[in-house]
Protein backbone atom coordinates (compact mmCIF):
# COMPACT_ATOMS: atom_id res chain seq x y z
CA MET A 1 -6.71 50.02 16.21
CA SER A 2 -5.81 46.98 14.19
CA THR A 3 -8.06 44.24 14.25
CA PRO A 4 -6.43 40.92 16.11
CA ILE A 5 -5.85 38.20 13.87
CA ILE A 6 -7.26 35.19 14.87
CA GLN A 7 -5.32 32.02 14.51
CA THR A 8 -6.76 28.36 14.58
CA PRO A 9 -5.29 26.05 17.04
CA ILE A 10 -2.89 23.74 15.50
CA ALA A 11 -5.23 20.74 16.85
CA ASP A 12 -8.00 21.89 14.68
CA ARG A 13 -6.60 22.89 11.43
CA LEU A 14 -7.06 19.72 9.93
CA SER A 15 -9.70 18.15 12.04
CA GLY A 16 -11.70 15.84 9.91
CA GLN A 17 -9.63 15.93 7.23
CA VAL A 18 -8.32 13.14 5.14
CA ALA A 19 -4.98 13.03 3.67
CA LEU A 20 -2.73 10.72 1.46
CA ILE A 21 0.93 11.00 1.99
CA THR A 22 3.22 8.92 -0.10
CA GLY A 23 7.17 8.55 0.56
CA GLY A 24 5.67 8.64 4.24
CA ALA A 25 8.42 6.62 5.79
CA GLY A 26 11.07 9.14 4.47
CA ASN A 27 12.08 12.19 6.19
CA ILE A 28 10.17 14.94 4.23
CA GLY A 29 7.37 12.16 4.33
CA LEU A 30 7.30 11.63 7.92
CA ALA A 31 7.96 14.89 9.36
CA THR A 32 4.66 15.88 7.19
CA VAL A 33 2.77 12.94 8.43
CA SER A 34 3.45 14.20 12.01
CA ARG A 35 2.31 17.69 11.14
CA PHE A 36 -0.78 16.75 9.38
CA LEU A 37 -1.43 14.16 12.57
CA GLN A 38 -0.37 17.11 15.00
CA GLU A 39 -3.52 19.16 13.01
CA GLY A 40 -5.64 16.38 13.42
CA ALA A 41 -5.60 15.20 10.00
CA LYS A 42 -6.45 11.22 9.40
CA VAL A 43 -3.13 9.99 7.16
CA ALA A 44 -2.90 7.13 5.04
CA LEU A 45 1.06 6.90 5.05
CA VAL A 46 2.56 5.01 1.89
CA ASP A 47 5.82 3.87 1.40
CA ILE A 48 7.01 0.88 -0.57
CA SER A 49 9.33 -0.35 2.47
CA PRO A 50 7.48 -2.57 5.19
CA ALA A 51 10.11 -2.00 7.39
CA GLY A 52 10.45 1.34 6.67
CA LEU A 53 6.45 1.63 7.46
CA GLU A 54 7.23 -0.01 10.79
CA GLN A 55 9.61 2.38 11.95
CA ALA A 56 7.24 5.45 10.96
CA LEU A 57 4.49 3.75 13.04
CA SER A 58 6.94 3.40 15.96
CA THR A 59 7.70 6.93 15.62
CA LEU A 60 4.33 8.06 15.26
CA THR A 61 3.30 6.71 18.13
CA LYS A 62 5.44 8.52 20.28
CA LEU A 63 4.40 12.12 18.98
CA ASP A 64 2.42 14.40 21.38
CA LEU A 65 -0.93 14.11 19.76
CA PRO A 66 -4.20 15.74 20.46
CA GLU A 67 -6.36 14.11 22.95
CA ASP A 68 -8.50 12.80 20.00
CA VAL A 69 -5.89 12.01 17.59
CA THR A 70 -4.65 8.45 18.41
CA PRO A 71 -2.24 6.16 16.06
CA GLU A 72 -5.30 3.64 15.73
CA SER A 73 -8.11 6.06 14.58
CA HIS A 74 -5.92 8.34 12.42
CA ILE A 75 -2.79 6.53 10.46
CA LEU A 76 -3.39 3.81 7.83
CA CYS A 77 0.02 2.74 6.84
CA ILE A 78 0.01 0.85 3.37
CA GLN A 79 2.56 -0.54 1.32
CA ALA A 80 2.62 0.30 -2.22
CA ASP A 81 4.65 1.00 -5.24
CA VAL A 82 4.14 5.00 -6.09
CA THR A 83 5.07 4.03 -9.66
CA SER A 84 2.55 1.34 -10.60
CA ALA A 85 -1.06 2.49 -11.59
CA ASP A 86 -2.02 -0.42 -9.98
CA GLY A 87 -0.19 0.32 -6.42
CA VAL A 88 -2.06 4.09 -6.79
CA GLN A 89 -5.19 2.60 -7.26
CA LYS A 90 -4.94 0.16 -4.24
CA TYR A 91 -3.70 3.03 -1.49
CA VAL A 92 -6.62 5.43 -3.00
CA ASN A 93 -9.17 2.51 -2.42
CA GLU A 94 -7.80 1.70 1.00
CA THR A 95 -7.58 4.93 2.21
CA VAL A 96 -11.43 5.87 0.75
CA LYS A 97 -12.78 2.42 2.11
CA ALA A 98 -11.14 3.28 5.73
CA TRP A 99 -12.26 7.12 5.77
CA GLY A 100 -14.77 7.38 2.86
CA ARG A 101 -13.14 10.24 0.98
CA LEU A 102 -9.74 11.75 0.24
CA ASP A 103 -8.94 15.70 0.76
CA THR A 104 -5.70 16.24 -0.09
CA ALA A 105 -2.50 14.54 -1.24
CA PHE A 106 1.15 15.12 -0.53
CA LEU A 107 3.04 13.16 -3.03
CA CYS A 108 6.32 12.81 -1.17
CA ALA A 109 7.96 9.84 -2.72
CA GLY A 110 11.17 10.48 -4.40
CA PHE A 111 14.67 8.88 -5.24
CA SER A 112 18.22 10.36 -5.25
CA TYR A 113 21.41 8.77 -5.57
CA ASN A 114 25.21 9.50 -4.49
CA SER A 115 26.50 10.62 -7.85
CA THR A 116 29.38 13.49 -8.86
CA SER A 117 28.42 13.12 -12.11
CA ILE A 118 26.12 12.35 -15.02
CA PHE A 119 28.95 9.84 -16.26
CA ASP A 120 28.98 8.18 -12.84
CA THR A 121 25.19 7.18 -13.01
CA THR A 122 24.42 4.25 -14.58
CA GLU A 123 20.99 3.57 -17.15
CA GLU A 124 19.64 1.41 -14.27
CA THR A 125 20.00 4.23 -11.76
CA TRP A 126 18.85 6.59 -13.79
CA ASP A 127 15.67 4.98 -15.15
CA LYS A 128 15.01 4.33 -11.23
CA ALA A 129 14.68 8.14 -10.69
CA MET A 130 12.92 8.93 -13.39
CA LYS A 131 10.50 6.38 -12.86
CA ILE A 132 9.91 7.14 -9.13
CA ASN A 133 10.22 10.97 -9.47
CA THR A 134 8.29 11.54 -12.46
CA ARG A 135 6.10 8.89 -13.56
CA SER A 136 4.73 8.29 -10.02
CA GLY A 137 3.10 12.22 -10.44
CA THR A 138 1.63 11.01 -13.65
CA SER A 139 -0.03 8.10 -12.28
CA HIS A 140 -1.67 10.01 -9.56
CA PHE A 141 -2.89 12.51 -12.21
CA LEU A 142 -4.47 10.11 -14.21
CA LEU A 143 -6.06 8.29 -11.31
CA LEU A 144 -7.58 11.53 -9.41
CA HIS A 145 -8.52 13.24 -12.65
CA ASP A 146 -12.05 12.18 -12.97
CA GLN A 147 -12.23 10.77 -9.10
CA SER A 148 -14.93 14.06 -7.71
CA ASP A 149 -16.87 11.13 -6.44
CA ILE A 150 -14.22 9.93 -3.96
CA CYS A 151 -11.92 13.66 -3.99
CA PRO A 152 -14.69 15.98 -3.11
CA SER A 153 -12.26 18.91 -2.80
CA ILE A 154 -10.66 17.65 -5.76
CA SER A 155 -11.11 21.21 -7.42
CA ARG A 156 -8.59 22.80 -5.12
CA TYR A 157 -6.43 20.13 -5.40
CA GLN A 158 -2.41 21.15 -5.50
CA ILE A 159 -0.37 17.72 -6.39
CA CYS A 160 2.97 18.88 -4.53
CA ARG A 161 6.36 16.98 -5.14
CA ASP A 162 8.85 17.74 -2.62
CA GLY A 163 7.28 20.53 -1.32
CA HIS A 164 6.98 22.03 -4.41
CA ALA A 165 3.43 23.21 -5.66
């Protein structure tokens, strides 16, 4: 006779956790924010686009969330540039100010462009892609590296980019 697997109900898995999600107004970011909210997390949704943040918040307020999860109590929208150390500091500080700590970060901000060949890519476009897709991760690493006081679970941090750990 096998032991039954006990699964935590979806609404309880992240209850009480504080998450920061960059690129939160984009497709992957918004889907991640939605899932975290459905599982009870408080989420700092970070994006560079104020209009994107407004649209994301509008979408999120229509979700069927657990009773104790409301947009007012569980969503913090922050407009910031992930490629700037000052921008990173701003949204980490705002998250900690709102909820006292940071448990997890999902770095989902990214930039892609439509080009069929490297020869069609301008230097400006290439630099923008590298700045957002690589430098932003370095900014987060440098900021969070010695921040165990605001990130109590920093020893188990996994910084994920585009869904890959």
